[in-house]
Amino acid sequence: HGMDVAASCNRIPTLDGHLENVFAETAEDVST
């Protein structure tokens, strides 16, 4: 896929479950 991806991965003191904050740039305007 041609998208650019930049990641910053961090460990926190939860036992299970990865929570992620995502910022996506799209060619089209989108609404929530």
PDB file of all heavy atoms in Angstrom:
ATOM      1  N   HIS A   1       0.841  -1.197   0.000  1.00  0.00           N
ATOM      2  CA  HIS A   1       0.000   0.000   0.000  1.00  0.00           C
ATOM      3  C   HIS A   1       0.877   1.247   0.000  1.00  0.00           C
ATOM      4  O   HIS A   1       1.938   1.286   0.632  1.00  0.00           O
ATOM      5  CB  HIS A   1      -0.906  -0.015   1.235  1.00  0.00           C
ATOM      6  CG  HIS A   1      -2.045   0.949   1.167  1.00  0.00           C
ATOM      7  ND1 HIS A   1      -1.882   2.309   1.296  1.00  0.00           N
ATOM      8  CD2 HIS A   1      -3.382   0.744   0.990  1.00  0.00           C
ATOM      9  CE1 HIS A   1      -3.063   2.900   1.205  1.00  0.00           C
ATOM     10  NE2 HIS A   1      -3.994   1.975   1.019  1.00  0.00           N
ATOM     11  N   GLY A   2       0.432   2.276  -0.679  1.00  0.00           N
ATOM     12  CA  GLY A   2       1.244   3.473  -0.852  1.00  0.00           C
ATOM     13  C   GLY A   2       1.227   4.457   0.306  1.00  0.00           C
ATOM     14  O   GLY A   2       1.935   5.463   0.254  1.00  0.00           O
ATOM     15  N   MET A   3       0.446   4.208   1.352  1.00  0.00           N
ATOM     16  CA  MET A   3       0.382   5.161   2.457  1.00  0.00           C
ATOM     17  C   MET A   3       1.709   5.214   3.210  1.00  0.00           C
ATOM     18  O   MET A   3       2.457   4.239   3.274  1.00  0.00           O
ATOM     19  CB  MET A   3      -0.734   4.779   3.430  1.00  0.00           C
ATOM     20  CG  MET A   3      -0.503   3.452   4.131  1.00  0.00           C
ATOM     21  SD  MET A   3      -1.866   2.967   5.206  1.00  0.00           S
ATOM     22  CE  MET A   3      -1.328   1.329   5.716  1.00  0.00           C
ATOM     23  N   ASP A   4       1.992   6.379   3.795  1.00  0.00           N
ATOM     24  CA  ASP A   4       3.111   6.513   4.724  1.00  0.00           C
ATOM     25  C   ASP A   4       2.622   6.144   6.119  1.00  0.00           C
ATOM     26  O   ASP A   4       1.520   6.547   6.518  1.00  0.00           O
ATOM     27  CB  ASP A   4       3.640   7.949   4.739  1.00  0.00           C
ATOM     28  CG  ASP A   4       4.262   8.347   3.417  1.00  0.00           C
ATOM     29  OD1 ASP A   4       4.929   7.501   2.797  1.00  0.00           O
ATOM     30  OD2 ASP A   4       4.074   9.510   2.992  1.00  0.00           O
ATOM     31  N   VAL A   5       3.428   5.389   6.855  1.00  0.00           N
ATOM     32  CA  VAL A   5       3.060   4.998   8.218  1.00  0.00           C
ATOM     33  C   VAL A   5       4.204   5.351   9.154  1.00  0.00           C
ATOM     34  O   VAL A   5       5.355   4.982   8.898  1.00  0.00           O
ATOM     35  CB  VAL A   5       2.759   3.487   8.314  1.00  0.00           C
ATOM     36  CG1 VAL A   5       2.287   3.129   9.731  1.00  0.00           C
ATOM     37  CG2 VAL A   5       1.709   3.061   7.289  1.00  0.00           C
ATOM     38  N   ALA A   6       3.895   6.065  10.234  1.00  0.00           N
ATOM     39  CA  ALA A   6       4.875   6.391  11.266  1.00  0.00           C
ATOM     40  C   ALA A   6       4.308   5.951  12.610  1.00  0.00           C
ATOM     41  O   ALA A   6       3.176   6.301  12.957  1.00  0.00           O
ATOM     42  CB  ALA A   6       5.171   7.885  11.285  1.00  0.00           C
ATOM     43  N   ALA A   7       5.068   5.152  13.356  1.00  0.00           N
ATOM     44  CA  ALA A   7       4.585   4.580  14.611  1.00  0.00           C
ATOM     45  C   ALA A   7       5.521   4.919  15.760  1.00  0.00           C
ATOM     46  O   ALA A   7       6.743   4.976  15.593  1.00  0.00           O
ATOM     47  CB  ALA A   7       4.447   3.065  14.478  1.00  0.00           C
ATOM     48  N   SER A   8       4.936   5.119  16.927  1.00  0.00           N
ATOM     49  CA  SER A   8       5.673   5.263  18.179  1.00  0.00           C
ATOM     50  C   SER A   8       5.053   4.303  19.178  1.00  0.00           C
ATOM     51  O   SER A   8       3.880   4.470  19.555  1.00  0.00           O
ATOM     52  CB  SER A   8       5.597   6.701  18.698  1.00  0.00           C
ATOM     53  OG  SER A   8       6.165   6.798  19.992  1.00  0.00           O
ATOM     54  N   CYS A   9       5.787   3.285  19.591  1.00  0.00           N
ATOM     55  CA  CYS A   9       5.229   2.201  20.405  1.00  0.00           C
ATOM     56  C   CYS A   9       5.740   2.290  21.841  1.00  0.00           C
ATOM     57  O   CYS A   9       6.943   2.405  22.082  1.00  0.00           O
ATOM     58  CB  CYS A   9       5.589   0.857  19.792  1.00  0.00           C
ATOM     59  SG  CYS A   9       4.870   0.604  18.149  1.00  0.00           S
ATOM     60  N   ASN A  10       4.800   2.198  22.779  1.00  0.00           N
ATOM     61  CA  ASN A  10       5.095   2.451  24.185  1.00  0.00           C
ATOM     62  C   ASN A  10       4.473   1.367  25.060  1.00  0.00           C
ATOM     63  O   ASN A  10       3.377   0.886  24.789  1.00  0.00           O
ATOM     64  CB  ASN A  10       4.519   3.814  24.598  1.00  0.00           C
ATOM     65  CG  ASN A  10       4.897   4.914  23.628  1.00  0.00           C
ATOM     66  OD1 ASN A  10       5.969   5.482  23.716  1.00  0.00           O
ATOM     67  ND2 ASN A  10       4.020   5.205  22.674  1.00  0.00           N
ATOM     68  N   ARG A  11       5.188   1.006  26.139  1.00  0.00           N
ATOM     69  CA  ARG A  11       4.703  -0.008  27.073  1.00  0.00           C
ATOM     70  C   ARG A  11       4.129   0.678  28.310  1.00  0.00           C
ATOM     71  O   ARG A  11       4.755   1.585  28.880  1.00  0.00           O
ATOM     72  CB  ARG A  11       5.844  -0.929  27.480  1.00  0.00           C
ATOM     73  CG  ARG A  11       5.410  -2.148  28.284  1.00  0.00           C
ATOM     74  CD  ARG A  11       4.812  -3.212  27.405  1.00  0.00           C
ATOM     75  NE  ARG A  11       5.800  -3.823  26.521  1.00  0.00           N
ATOM     76  CZ  ARG A  11       5.473  -4.564  25.464  1.00  0.00           C
ATOM     77  NH1 ARG A  11       4.204  -4.777  25.157  1.00  0.00           N
ATOM     78  NH2 ARG A  11       6.425  -5.096  24.706  1.00  0.00           N
ATOM     79  N   ILE A  12       2.944   0.254  28.719  1.00  0.00           N
ATOM     80  CA  ILE A  12       2.304   0.807  29.914  1.00  0.00           C
ATOM     81  C   ILE A  12       1.883  -0.345  30.828  1.00  0.00           C
ATOM     82  O   ILE A  12       1.795  -1.494  30.390  1.00  0.00           O
ATOM     83  CB  ILE A  12       1.086   1.688  29.550  1.00  0.00           C
ATOM     84  CG1 ILE A  12      -0.012   0.850  28.867  1.00  0.00           C
ATOM     85  CG2 ILE A  12       1.523   2.858  28.675  1.00  0.00           C
ATOM     86  CD1 ILE A  12      -1.345   1.571  28.739  1.00  0.00           C
ATOM     87  N   PRO A  13       1.593  -0.067  32.108  1.00  0.00           N
ATOM     88  CA  PRO A  13       1.336  -1.141  33.063  1.00  0.00           C
ATOM     89  C   PRO A  13      -0.102  -1.659  33.074  1.00  0.00           C
ATOM     90  O   PRO A  13      -0.736  -1.765  34.128  1.00  0.00           O
ATOM     91  CB  PRO A  13       1.723  -0.512  34.405  1.00  0.00           C
ATOM     92  CG  PRO A  13       1.470   0.934  34.228  1.00  0.00           C
ATOM     93  CD  PRO A  13       1.814   1.230  32.791  1.00  0.00           C
ATOM     94  N   THR A  14      -0.643  -1.986  31.894  1.00  0.00           N
ATOM     95  CA  THR A  14      -1.862  -2.776  31.832  1.00  0.00           C
ATOM     96  C   THR A  14      -1.461  -4.216  31.523  1.00  0.00           C
ATOM     97  O   THR A  14      -0.434  -4.464  30.885  1.00  0.00           O
ATOM     98  CB  THR A  14      -2.824  -2.264  30.746  1.00  0.00           C
ATOM     99  OG1 THR A  14      -2.111  -2.120  29.515  1.00  0.00           O
ATOM    100  CG2 THR A  14      -3.417  -0.926  31.135  1.00  0.00           C
ATOM    101  N   LEU A  15      -2.287  -5.169  31.935  1.00  0.00           N
ATOM    102  CA  LEU A  15      -1.941  -6.572  31.762  1.00  0.00           C
ATOM    103  C   LEU A  15      -2.165  -7.028  30.326  1.00  0.00           C
ATOM    104  O   LEU A  15      -1.264  -7.572  29.685  1.00  0.00           O
ATOM    105  CB  LEU A  15      -2.765  -7.439  32.724  1.00  0.00           C
ATOM    106  CG  LEU A  15      -2.460  -8.936  32.685  1.00  0.00           C
ATOM    107  CD1 LEU A  15      -0.996  -9.211  33.001  1.00  0.00           C
ATOM    108  CD2 LEU A  15      -3.383  -9.688  33.640  1.00  0.00           C
ATOM    109  N   ASP A  16      -3.375  -6.813  29.811  1.00  0.00           N
ATOM    110  CA  ASP A  16      -3.732  -7.214  28.451  1.00  0.00           C
ATOM    111  C   ASP A  16      -4.465  -6.066  27.764  1.00  0.00           C
ATOM    112  O   ASP A  16      -5.172  -5.297  28.415  1.00  0.00           O
ATOM    113  CB  ASP A  16      -4.656  -8.444  28.456  1.00  0.00           C
ATOM    114  CG  ASP A  16      -3.975  -9.696  28.957  1.00  0.00           C
ATOM    115  OD1 ASP A  16      -2.884 -10.016  28.445  1.00  0.00           O
ATOM    116  OD2 ASP A  16      -4.532 -10.360  29.851  1.00  0.00           O
ATOM    117  N   GLY A  17      -4.344  -6.013  26.457  1.00  0.00           N
ATOM    118  CA  GLY A  17      -5.084  -5.032  25.664  1.00  0.00           C
ATOM    119  C   GLY A  17      -4.208  -3.883  25.217  1.00  0.00           C
ATOM    120  O   GLY A  17      -3.720  -3.097  26.027  1.00  0.00           O
ATOM    121  N   HIS A  18      -3.980  -3.787  23.897  1.00  0.00           N
ATOM    122  CA  HIS A  18      -3.200  -2.684  23.329  1.00  0.00           C
ATOM    123  C   HIS A  18      -4.155  -1.574  22.890  1.00  0.00           C
ATOM    124  O   HIS A  18      -5.049  -1.798  22.064  1.00  0.00           O
ATOM    125  CB  HIS A  18      -2.407  -3.152  22.114  1.00  0.00           C
ATOM    126  CG  HIS A  18      -1.238  -4.039  22.448  1.00  0.00           C
ATOM    127  ND1 HIS A  18      -0.833  -4.307  23.735  1.00  0.00           N
ATOM    128  CD2 HIS A  18      -0.376  -4.718  21.630  1.00  0.00           C
ATOM    129  CE1 HIS A  18       0.213  -5.107  23.707  1.00  0.00           C
ATOM    130  NE2 HIS A  18       0.513  -5.362  22.445  1.00  0.00           N
ATOM    131  N   LEU A  19      -3.957  -0.391  23.437  1.00  0.00           N
ATOM    132  CA  LEU A  19      -4.725   0.797  23.078  1.00  0.00           C
ATOM    133  C   LEU A  19      -3.850   1.666  22.184  1.00  0.00           C
ATOM    134  O   LEU A  19      -2.654   1.856  22.464  1.00  0.00           O
ATOM    135  CB  LEU A  19      -5.120   1.569  24.340  1.00  0.00           C
ATOM    136  CG  LEU A  19      -5.921   2.860  24.149  1.00  0.00           C
ATOM    137  CD1 LEU A  19      -7.274   2.593  23.516  1.00  0.00           C
ATOM    138  CD2 LEU A  19      -6.088   3.575  25.499  1.00  0.00           C
ATOM    139  N   GLU A  20      -4.439   2.204  21.098  1.00  0.00           N
ATOM    140  CA  GLU A  20      -3.648   2.955  20.131  1.00  0.00           C
ATOM    141  C   GLU A  20      -4.367   4.237  19.728  1.00  0.00           C
ATOM    142  O   GLU A  20      -5.591   4.245  19.540  1.00  0.00           O
ATOM    143  CB  GLU A  20      -3.370   2.088  18.901  1.00  0.00           C
ATOM    144  CG  GLU A  20      -2.645   0.804  19.266  1.00  0.00           C
ATOM    145  CD  GLU A  20      -2.374  -0.130  18.105  1.00  0.00           C
ATOM    146  OE1 GLU A  20      -2.749   0.189  16.959  1.00  0.00           O
ATOM    147  OE2 GLU A  20      -1.787  -1.203  18.356  1.00  0.00           O
ATOM    148  N   ASN A  21      -3.592   5.301  19.594  1.00  0.00           N
ATOM    149  CA  ASN A  21      -4.097   6.592  19.126  1.00  0.00           C
ATOM    150  C   ASN A  21      -3.671   6.755  17.678  1.00  0.00           C
ATOM    151  O   ASN A  21      -2.484   6.832  17.380  1.00  0.00           O
ATOM    152  CB  ASN A  21      -3.534   7.736  19.969  1.00  0.00           C
ATOM    153  CG  ASN A  21      -3.648   7.498  21.471  1.00  0.00           C
ATOM    154  OD1 ASN A  21      -2.667   7.602  22.189  1.00  0.00           O
ATOM    155  ND2 ASN A  21      -4.830   7.161  21.933  1.00  0.00           N
ATOM    156  N   VAL A  22      -4.651   6.818  16.767  1.00  0.00           N
ATOM    157  CA  VAL A  22      -4.370   6.803  15.334  1.00  0.00           C
ATOM    158  C   VAL A  22      -4.768   8.142  14.713  1.00  0.00           C
ATOM    159  O   VAL A  22      -5.850   8.681  14.999  1.00  0.00           O
ATOM    160  CB  VAL A  22      -5.143   5.663  14.638  1.00  0.00           C
ATOM    161  CG1 VAL A  22      -4.823   5.630  13.140  1.00  0.00           C
ATOM    162  CG2 VAL A  22      -4.812   4.317  15.278  1.00  0.00           C
ATOM    163  N   PHE A  23      -3.901   8.650  13.838  1.00  0.00           N
ATOM    164  CA  PHE A  23      -4.173   9.854  13.061  1.00  0.00           C
ATOM    165  C   PHE A  23      -4.030   9.470  11.592  1.00  0.00           C
ATOM    166  O   PHE A  23      -2.926   9.133  11.148  1.00  0.00           O
ATOM    167  CB  PHE A  23      -3.189  10.967  13.417  1.00  0.00           C
ATOM    168  CG  PHE A  23      -3.215  11.362  14.872  1.00  0.00           C
ATOM    169  CD1 PHE A  23      -2.577  10.578  15.829  1.00  0.00           C
ATOM    170  CD2 PHE A  23      -3.881  12.507  15.285  1.00  0.00           C
ATOM    171  CE1 PHE A  23      -2.598  10.932  17.169  1.00  0.00           C
ATOM    172  CE2 PHE A  23      -3.903  12.873  16.628  1.00  0.00           C
ATOM    173  CZ  PHE A  23      -3.267  12.078  17.571  1.00  0.00           C
ATOM    174  N   ALA A  24      -5.137   9.489  10.853  1.00  0.00           N
ATOM    175  CA  ALA A  24      -5.129   9.047   9.459  1.00  0.00           C
ATOM    176  C   ALA A  24      -5.434  10.214   8.534  1.00  0.00           C
ATOM    177  O   ALA A  24      -6.409  10.954   8.735  1.00  0.00           O
ATOM    178  CB  ALA A  24      -6.152   7.939   9.252  1.00  0.00           C
ATOM    179  N   GLU A  25      -4.608  10.389   7.524  1.00  0.00           N
ATOM    180  CA  GLU A  25      -4.825  11.406   6.497  1.00  0.00           C
ATOM    181  C   GLU A  25      -5.465  10.743   5.284  1.00  0.00           C
ATOM    182  O   GLU A  25      -4.987   9.710   4.801  1.00  0.00           O
ATOM    183  CB  GLU A  25      -3.505  12.061   6.105  1.00  0.00           C
ATOM    184  CG  GLU A  25      -2.827  12.794   7.257  1.00  0.00           C
ATOM    185  CD  GLU A  25      -1.506  13.421   6.856  1.00  0.00           C
ATOM    186  OE1 GLU A  25      -1.279  13.603   5.631  1.00  0.00           O
ATOM    187  OE2 GLU A  25      -0.691  13.720   7.752  1.00  0.00           O
ATOM    188  N   THR A  26      -6.537  11.343   4.791  1.00  0.00           N
ATOM    189  CA  THR A  26      -7.288  10.761   3.684  1.00  0.00           C
ATOM    190  C   THR A  26      -7.386  11.744   2.523  1.00  0.00           C
ATOM    191  O   THR A  26      -7.408  12.964   2.719  1.00  0.00           O
ATOM    192  CB  THR A  26      -8.706  10.370   4.128  1.00  0.00           C
ATOM    193  OG1 THR A  26      -9.375  11.523   4.660  1.00  0.00           O
ATOM    194  CG2 THR A  26      -8.668   9.279   5.182  1.00  0.00           C
ATOM    195  N   ALA A  27      -7.477  11.186   1.313  1.00  0.00           N
ATOM    196  CA  ALA A  27      -7.608  12.029   0.120  1.00  0.00           C
ATOM    197  C   ALA A  27      -8.956  12.736   0.094  1.00  0.00           C
ATOM    198  O   ALA A  27      -9.061  13.879  -0.360  1.00  0.00           O
ATOM    199  CB  ALA A  27      -7.425  11.181  -1.133  1.00  0.00           C
ATOM    200  N   GLU A  28      -9.982  12.063   0.577  1.00  0.00           N
ATOM    201  CA  GLU A  28     -11.323  12.640   0.610  1.00  0.00           C
ATOM    202  C   GLU A  28     -11.607  13.277   1.960  1.00  0.00           C
ATOM    203  O   GLU A  28     -11.086  12.839   2.991  1.00  0.00           O
ATOM    204  CB  GLU A  28     -12.376  11.552   0.350  1.00  0.00           C
ATOM    205  CG  GLU A  28     -12.278  10.882  -1.002  1.00  0.00           C
ATOM    206  CD  GLU A  28     -13.347   9.817  -1.170  1.00  0.00           C
ATOM    207  OE1 GLU A  28     -14.356   9.850  -0.420  1.00  0.00           O
ATOM    208  OE2 GLU A  28     -13.171   8.946  -2.043  1.00  0.00           O
ATOM    209  N   ASP A  29     -12.442  14.315   1.954  1.00  0.00           N
ATOM    210  CA  ASP A  29     -12.940  14.856   3.208  1.00  0.00           C
ATOM    211  C   ASP A  29     -13.907  13.849   3.821  1.00  0.00           C
ATOM    212  O   ASP A  29     -14.734  13.249   3.124  1.00  0.00           O
ATOM    213  CB  ASP A  29     -13.671  16.180   2.972  1.00  0.00           C
ATOM    214  CG  ASP A  29     -12.722  17.290   2.541  1.00  0.00           C
ATOM    215  OD1 ASP A  29     -11.517  17.201   2.867  1.00  0.00           O
ATOM    216  OD2 ASP A  29     -13.182  18.227   1.867  1.00  0.00           O
ATOM    217  N   VAL A  30     -13.795  13.641   5.133  1.00  0.00           N
ATOM    218  CA  VAL A  30     -14.663  12.681   5.812  1.00  0.00           C
ATOM    219  C   VAL A  30     -15.304  13.348   7.016  1.00  0.00           C
ATOM    220  O   VAL A  30     -14.770  14.299   7.582  1.00  0.00           O
ATOM    221  CB  VAL A  30     -13.893  11.424   6.264  1.00  0.00           C
ATOM    222  CG1 VAL A  30     -13.405  10.621   5.074  1.00  0.00           C
ATOM    223  CG2 VAL A  30     -12.724  11.784   7.179  1.00  0.00           C
ATOM    224  N   SER A  31     -16.448  12.836   7.412  1.00  0.00           N
ATOM    225  CA  SER A  31     -17.106  13.251   8.642  1.00  0.00           C
ATOM    226  C   SER A  31     -16.960  12.141   9.672  1.00  0.00           C
ATOM    227  O   SER A  31     -16.629  10.997   9.338  1.00  0.00           O
ATOM    228  CB  SER A  31     -18.592  13.522   8.388  1.00  0.00           C
ATOM    229  OG  SER A  31     -19.270  12.318   8.063  1.00  0.00           O
ATOM    230  N   THR A  32     -17.218  12.477  10.923  1.00  0.00           N
ATOM    231  CA  THR A  32     -17.168  11.443  11.955  1.00  0.00           C
ATOM    232  C   THR A  32     -18.205  10.357  11.671  1.00  0.00           C
ATOM    233  O   THR A  32     -17.962   9.176  11.934  1.00  0.00           O
ATOM    234  CB  THR A  32     -17.420  12.052  13.346  1.00  0.00           C
ATOM    235  OG1 THR A  32     -18.672  12.750  13.351  1.00  0.00           O
ATOM    236  CG2 THR A  32     -16.301  13.015  13.727  1.00  0.00           C
TER     237      THR A  32
END
